[in-house]
Amino acid sequence: MNRRHAILSLAALSFAPAARAGTSVETLDPEIVRGLGVFERYGRTPPTGDSIIYLHGEAAHHSTIEFMTVAARDAAGRWTISTVGEERSGMLEIKPGKIMDKTGVLAAGDAEALDALLALPELYQEQDSMREPPGGGLMRMMEIHSPNGRLVIRWTNRLGGKAGEVAVLVLDRV
């Protein structure tokens, strides 16, 4: 095991509480585990709950911009969404820095819509729509863990289908 892999493994273990009950960090996609490192680097703890949606985005050219969003539903049905973003070196040598840090609660109507989407069996059957982005384009990934199933999906540009509706509710509402 190389040093980088060992560090990422340790970072992954430190986020074990971020997984929903019954979901261990070992079941998270490695890209999500790496994305959770953005929370760790800035001393933030992602929300936890019985359903969790992880969204990771990264684009690189002159600089690398990475965002990690975690949405979690608590026992009362309230969705908390936290996003941390970072800019660091790409082609340019720059000092890494936090460019976003926000947490909010999804409005009741949006929370009901999100719960309804997560209850649809067809959501968990959707497929990647990954295409090569234009140079430095944004690549995104979403991993959903809910009592109804698990979905891992990657995309560039715009994500359609029910998974796209989930992404819009989580990324655009808080």
C-alpha atoms as a PDB file:
ATOM      1  CA  MET A   1       0.000   0.000   0.000  1.00  0.00           C
ATOM      2  CA  ASN A   2       1.473   3.372  -0.960  1.00  0.00           C
ATOM      3  CA  ARG A   3       1.513   6.373   1.370  1.00  0.00           C
ATOM      4  CA  ARG A   4      -1.329   8.208  -0.436  1.00  0.00           C
ATOM      5  CA  HIS A   5      -3.588   5.132  -0.287  1.00  0.00           C
ATOM      6  CA  ALA A   6      -2.810   4.709   3.415  1.00  0.00           C
ATOM      7  CA  ILE A   7      -3.702   8.351   4.123  1.00  0.00           C
ATOM      8  CA  LEU A   8      -6.978   8.063   2.180  1.00  0.00           C
ATOM      9  CA  SER A   9      -7.817   4.838   4.025  1.00  0.00           C
ATOM     10  CA  LEU A  10      -7.271   6.555   7.364  1.00  0.00           C
ATOM     11  CA  ALA A  11      -9.383   9.514   6.210  1.00  0.00           C
ATOM     12  CA  ALA A  12     -12.122   7.115   5.174  1.00  0.00           C
ATOM     13  CA  LEU A  13     -12.136   5.464   8.581  1.00  0.00           C
ATOM     14  CA  SER A  14     -12.415   8.846  10.258  1.00  0.00           C
ATOM     15  CA  PHE A  15     -15.711   9.374   8.437  1.00  0.00           C
ATOM     16  CA  ALA A  16     -17.268   6.076   9.485  1.00  0.00           C
ATOM     17  CA  PRO A  17     -19.932   7.957  11.525  1.00  0.00           C
ATOM     18  CA  ALA A  18     -20.934   9.809   8.326  1.00  0.00           C
ATOM     19  CA  ALA A  19     -22.378   6.628   6.877  1.00  0.00           C
ATOM     20  CA  ARG A  20     -26.007   5.850   7.668  1.00  0.00           C
ATOM     21  CA  ALA A  21     -26.736   3.133  10.165  1.00  0.00           C
ATOM     22  CA  GLY A  22     -25.967  -0.199   8.510  1.00  0.00           C
ATOM     23  CA  THR A  23     -23.723   1.381   5.858  1.00  0.00           C
ATOM     24  CA  SER A  24     -20.027   1.153   6.543  1.00  0.00           C
ATOM     25  CA  VAL A  25     -17.473   3.455   4.998  1.00  0.00           C
ATOM     26  CA  GLU A  26     -16.149   0.414   3.127  1.00  0.00           C
ATOM     27  CA  THR A  27     -19.306   0.487   0.997  1.00  0.00           C
ATOM     28  CA  LEU A  28     -18.729   4.088  -0.098  1.00  0.00           C
ATOM     29  CA  ASP A  29     -17.252   4.627  -3.533  1.00  0.00           C
ATOM     30  CA  PRO A  30     -13.559   5.621  -3.264  1.00  0.00           C
ATOM     31  CA  GLU A  31     -14.310   8.936  -4.995  1.00  0.00           C
ATOM     32  CA  ILE A  32     -16.833   9.806  -2.282  1.00  0.00           C
ATOM     33  CA  VAL A  33     -14.341   8.826   0.434  1.00  0.00           C
ATOM     34  CA  ARG A  34     -11.746  11.101  -1.211  1.00  0.00           C
ATOM     35  CA  GLY A  35     -14.327  13.893  -1.470  1.00  0.00           C
ATOM     36  CA  LEU A  36     -15.113  13.619   2.238  1.00  0.00           C
ATOM     37  CA  GLY A  37     -11.507  14.667   2.777  1.00  0.00           C
ATOM     38  CA  VAL A  38     -12.613  18.234   1.918  1.00  0.00           C
ATOM     39  CA  PHE A  39     -14.772  18.206   5.057  1.00  0.00           C
ATOM     40  CA  GLU A  40     -11.883  16.823   7.100  1.00  0.00           C
ATOM     41  CA  ARG A  41      -9.332  19.366   5.841  1.00  0.00           C
ATOM     42  CA  TYR A  42     -11.522  22.212   7.090  1.00  0.00           C
ATOM     43  CA  GLY A  43     -12.560  20.637  10.391  1.00  0.00           C
ATOM     44  CA  ARG A  44     -16.163  20.038   9.346  1.00  0.00           C
ATOM     45  CA  THR A  45     -18.313  17.027  10.102  1.00  0.00           C
ATOM     46  CA  PRO A  46     -20.877  15.948   7.501  1.00  0.00           C
ATOM     47  CA  PRO A  47     -24.477  15.439   8.627  1.00  0.00           C
ATOM     48  CA  THR A  48     -25.681  11.901   9.379  1.00  0.00           C
ATOM     49  CA  GLY A  49     -29.058  10.210   9.190  1.00  0.00           C
ATOM     50  CA  ASP A  50     -31.119   7.247   8.029  1.00  0.00           C
ATOM     51  CA  SER A  51     -30.790   8.357   4.390  1.00  0.00           C
ATOM     52  CA  ILE A  52     -27.677  10.063   3.046  1.00  0.00           C
ATOM     53  CA  ILE A  53     -26.872  11.555  -0.333  1.00  0.00           C
ATOM     54  CA  TYR A  54     -23.243  12.304  -1.179  1.00  0.00           C
ATOM     55  CA  LEU A  55     -22.412  14.574  -4.126  1.00  0.00           C
ATOM     56  CA  HIS A  56     -18.874  15.188  -5.301  1.00  0.00           C
ATOM     57  CA  GLY A  57     -17.760  17.531  -8.058  1.00  0.00           C
ATOM     58  CA  GLU A  58     -14.322  18.338  -9.363  1.00  0.00           C
ATOM     59  CA  ALA A  59     -12.930  20.388 -12.237  1.00  0.00           C
ATOM     60  CA  ALA A  60      -9.282  20.995 -13.016  1.00  0.00           C
ATOM     61  CA  HIS A  61      -7.389  23.269 -15.340  1.00  0.00           C
ATOM     62  CA  HIS A  62      -5.344  26.221 -14.097  1.00  0.00           C
ATOM     63  CA  SER A  63      -6.608  25.398 -10.634  1.00  0.00           C
ATOM     64  CA  THR A  64      -8.549  22.466  -9.237  1.00  0.00           C
ATOM     65  CA  ILE A  65     -11.926  23.169  -7.697  1.00  0.00           C
ATOM     66  CA  GLU A  66     -13.548  20.438  -5.618  1.00  0.00           C
ATOM     67  CA  PHE A  67     -16.912  20.465  -3.857  1.00  0.00           C
ATOM     68  CA  MET A  68     -18.404  17.874  -1.536  1.00  0.00           C
ATOM     69  CA  THR A  69     -22.055  17.994  -0.510  1.00  0.00           C
ATOM     70  CA  VAL A  70     -23.681  15.684   2.018  1.00  0.00           C
ATOM     71  CA  ALA A  71     -27.437  15.635   2.575  1.00  0.00           C
ATOM     72  CA  ALA A  72     -28.800  13.574   5.464  1.00  0.00           C
ATOM     73  CA  ARG A  73     -32.347  12.909   6.677  1.00  0.00           C
ATOM     74  CA  ASP A  74     -32.786  12.750  10.440  1.00  0.00           C
ATOM     75  CA  ALA A  75     -35.384  10.712  12.353  1.00  0.00           C
ATOM     76  CA  ALA A  76     -37.833  13.668  12.251  1.00  0.00           C
ATOM     77  CA  GLY A  77     -37.684  13.734   8.431  1.00  0.00           C
ATOM     78  CA  ARG A  78     -35.618  16.917   8.244  1.00  0.00           C
ATOM     79  CA  TRP A  79     -32.924  17.064   5.560  1.00  0.00           C
ATOM     80  CA  THR A  80     -29.692  18.869   6.489  1.00  0.00           C
ATOM     81  CA  ILE A  81     -27.366  19.713   3.616  1.00  0.00           C
ATOM     82  CA  SER A  82     -23.725  20.727   4.035  1.00  0.00           C
ATOM     83  CA  THR A  83     -21.305  21.736   1.275  1.00  0.00           C
ATOM     84  CA  VAL A  84     -17.608  22.447   1.532  1.00  0.00           C
ATOM     85  CA  GLY A  85     -15.589  23.574  -1.474  1.00  0.00           C
ATOM     86  CA  GLU A  86     -11.879  24.000  -2.017  1.00  0.00           C
ATOM     87  CA  GLU A  87      -9.595  25.493  -4.653  1.00  0.00           C
ATOM     88  CA  ARG A  88      -6.029  24.210  -4.974  1.00  0.00           C
ATOM     89  CA  SER A  89      -3.239  23.806  -7.496  1.00  0.00           C
ATOM     90  CA  GLY A  90      -3.938  22.621 -11.000  1.00  0.00           C
ATOM     91  CA  MET A  91      -1.534  23.962 -13.625  1.00  0.00           C
ATOM     92  CA  LEU A  92      -0.851  26.937 -11.359  1.00  0.00           C
ATOM     93  CA  GLU A  93       0.900  26.619  -8.034  1.00  0.00           C
ATOM     94  CA  ILE A  94      -1.535  28.103  -5.510  1.00  0.00           C
ATOM     95  CA  LYS A  95      -2.111  27.561  -1.828  1.00  0.00           C
ATOM     96  CA  PRO A  96      -5.236  25.437  -1.140  1.00  0.00           C
ATOM     97  CA  GLY A  97      -8.134  27.377   0.316  1.00  0.00           C
ATOM     98  CA  LYS A  98     -11.757  26.946   1.266  1.00  0.00           C
ATOM     99  CA  ILE A  99     -14.095  28.661  -1.197  1.00  0.00           C
ATOM    100  CA  MET A 100     -17.445  27.509   0.177  1.00  0.00           C
ATOM    101  CA  ASP A 101     -18.775  26.310   3.508  1.00  0.00           C
ATOM    102  CA  LYS A 102     -22.517  26.259   3.990  1.00  0.00           C
ATOM    103  CA  THR A 103     -25.130  24.241   5.812  1.00  0.00           C
ATOM    104  CA  GLY A 104     -28.871  24.537   5.591  1.00  0.00           C
ATOM    105  CA  VAL A 105     -32.132  22.675   6.025  1.00  0.00           C
ATOM    106  CA  LEU A 106     -34.289  21.733   3.071  1.00  0.00           C
ATOM    107  CA  ALA A 107     -37.738  23.365   3.028  1.00  0.00           C
ATOM    108  CA  ALA A 108     -40.609  21.033   3.988  1.00  0.00           C
ATOM    109  CA  GLY A 109     -42.013  20.778   0.446  1.00  0.00           C
ATOM    110  CA  ASP A 110     -38.601  20.017  -1.021  1.00  0.00           C
ATOM    111  CA  ALA A 111     -37.948  17.453   1.736  1.00  0.00           C
ATOM    112  CA  GLU A 112     -41.240  15.694   0.864  1.00  0.00           C
ATOM    113  CA  ALA A 113     -40.295  15.711  -2.832  1.00  0.00           C
ATOM    114  CA  LEU A 114     -36.881  14.243  -2.035  1.00  0.00           C
ATOM    115  CA  ASP A 115     -38.423  11.528   0.166  1.00  0.00           C
ATOM    116  CA  ALA A 116     -40.849  10.651  -2.647  1.00  0.00           C
ATOM    117  CA  LEU A 117     -37.987  10.349  -5.151  1.00  0.00           C
ATOM    118  CA  LEU A 118     -35.977   8.123  -2.800  1.00  0.00           C
ATOM    119  CA  ALA A 119     -39.026   5.828  -2.458  1.00  0.00           C
ATOM    120  CA  LEU A 120     -39.097   5.103  -6.229  1.00  0.00           C
ATOM    121  CA  PRO A 121     -37.550   1.717  -7.093  1.00  0.00           C
ATOM    122  CA  GLU A 122     -36.630   2.960 -10.592  1.00  0.00           C
ATOM    123  CA  LEU A 123     -34.317   5.610  -9.120  1.00  0.00           C
ATOM    124  CA  TYR A 124     -31.895   2.887  -8.041  1.00  0.00           C
ATOM    125  CA  GLN A 125     -31.768   1.436 -11.582  1.00  0.00           C
ATOM    126  CA  GLU A 126     -30.521   4.603 -13.314  1.00  0.00           C
ATOM    127  CA  GLN A 127     -27.214   4.483 -15.191  1.00  0.00           C
ATOM    128  CA  ASP A 128     -24.192   6.759 -15.527  1.00  0.00           C
ATOM    129  CA  SER A 129     -24.323   9.432 -18.197  1.00  0.00           C
ATOM    130  CA  MET A 130     -20.583  10.035 -18.086  1.00  0.00           C
ATOM    131  CA  ARG A 131     -18.992  11.653 -21.084  1.00  0.00           C
ATOM    132  CA  GLU A 132     -15.562  13.166 -21.342  1.00  0.00           C
ATOM    133  CA  PRO A 133     -15.916  16.792 -20.270  1.00  0.00           C
ATOM    134  CA  PRO A 134     -14.304  19.545 -22.295  1.00  0.00           C
ATOM    135  CA  GLY A 135     -10.788  20.302 -20.988  1.00  0.00           C
ATOM    136  CA  GLY A 136     -11.097  21.053 -17.302  1.00  0.00           C
ATOM    137  CA  GLY A 137     -14.865  20.445 -17.300  1.00  0.00           C
ATOM    138  CA  LEU A 138     -16.814  19.551 -14.178  1.00  0.00           C
ATOM    139  CA  MET A 139     -17.189  15.868 -13.408  1.00  0.00           C
ATOM    140  CA  ARG A 140     -19.791  14.910 -10.818  1.00  0.00           C
ATOM    141  CA  MET A 141     -20.738  11.865  -8.839  1.00  0.00           C
ATOM    142  CA  MET A 142     -23.644  11.078  -6.531  1.00  0.00           C
ATOM    143  CA  GLU A 143     -24.023   8.186  -4.128  1.00  0.00           C
ATOM    144  CA  ILE A 144     -27.376   7.609  -2.433  1.00  0.00           C
ATOM    145  CA  HIS A 145     -27.888   5.369   0.598  1.00  0.00           C
ATOM    146  CA  SER A 146     -31.476   4.990   1.774  1.00  0.00           C
ATOM    147  CA  PRO A 147     -33.600   2.242   3.295  1.00  0.00           C
ATOM    148  CA  ASN A 148     -34.896   1.708  -0.266  1.00  0.00           C
ATOM    149  CA  GLY A 149     -31.549   1.117  -1.955  1.00  0.00           C
ATOM    150  CA  ARG A 150     -28.180   2.399  -3.066  1.00  0.00           C
ATOM    151  CA  LEU A 151     -27.254   4.253  -6.237  1.00  0.00           C
ATOM    152  CA  VAL A 152     -23.869   5.404  -7.511  1.00  0.00           C
ATOM    153  CA  ILE A 153     -23.998   7.568 -10.627  1.00  0.00           C
ATOM    154  CA  ARG A 154     -21.500   9.791 -12.476  1.00  0.00           C
ATOM    155  CA  TRP A 155     -22.120  12.532 -14.993  1.00  0.00           C
ATOM    156  CA  THR A 156     -20.875  15.599 -16.773  1.00  0.00           C
ATOM    157  CA  ASN A 157     -23.007  18.544 -17.857  1.00  0.00           C
ATOM    158  CA  ARG A 158     -26.635  17.877 -16.815  1.00  0.00           C
ATOM    159  CA  LEU A 159     -28.028  14.732 -15.212  1.00  0.00           C
ATOM    160  CA  GLY A 160     -31.517  13.709 -16.301  1.00  0.00           C
ATOM    161  CA  GLY A 161     -34.073  11.311 -14.918  1.00  0.00           C
ATOM    162  CA  LYS A 162     -35.068  10.871 -11.297  1.00  0.00           C
ATOM    163  CA  ALA A 163     -31.409  10.996 -10.211  1.00  0.00           C
ATOM    164  CA  GLY A 164     -31.191  14.429 -11.839  1.00  0.00           C
ATOM    165  CA  GLU A 165     -34.216  15.561  -9.835  1.00  0.00           C
ATOM    166  CA  VAL A 166     -32.500  14.384  -6.636  1.00  0.00           C
ATOM    167  CA  ALA A 167     -29.323  16.275  -7.563  1.00  0.00           C
ATOM    168  CA  VAL A 168     -31.265  19.488  -8.222  1.00  0.00           C
ATOM    169  CA  LEU A 169     -33.056  19.293  -4.875  1.00  0.00           C
ATOM    170  CA  VAL A 170     -29.814  18.754  -2.990  1.00  0.00           C
ATOM    171  CA  LEU A 171     -27.540  21.122  -4.901  1.00  0.00           C
ATOM    172  CA  ASP A 172     -29.878  24.000  -5.747  1.00  0.00           C
ATOM    173  CA  ARG A 173     -32.163  24.438  -2.740  1.00  0.00           C
ATOM    174  CA  VAL A 174     -29.918  25.322   0.202  1.00  0.00           C
END
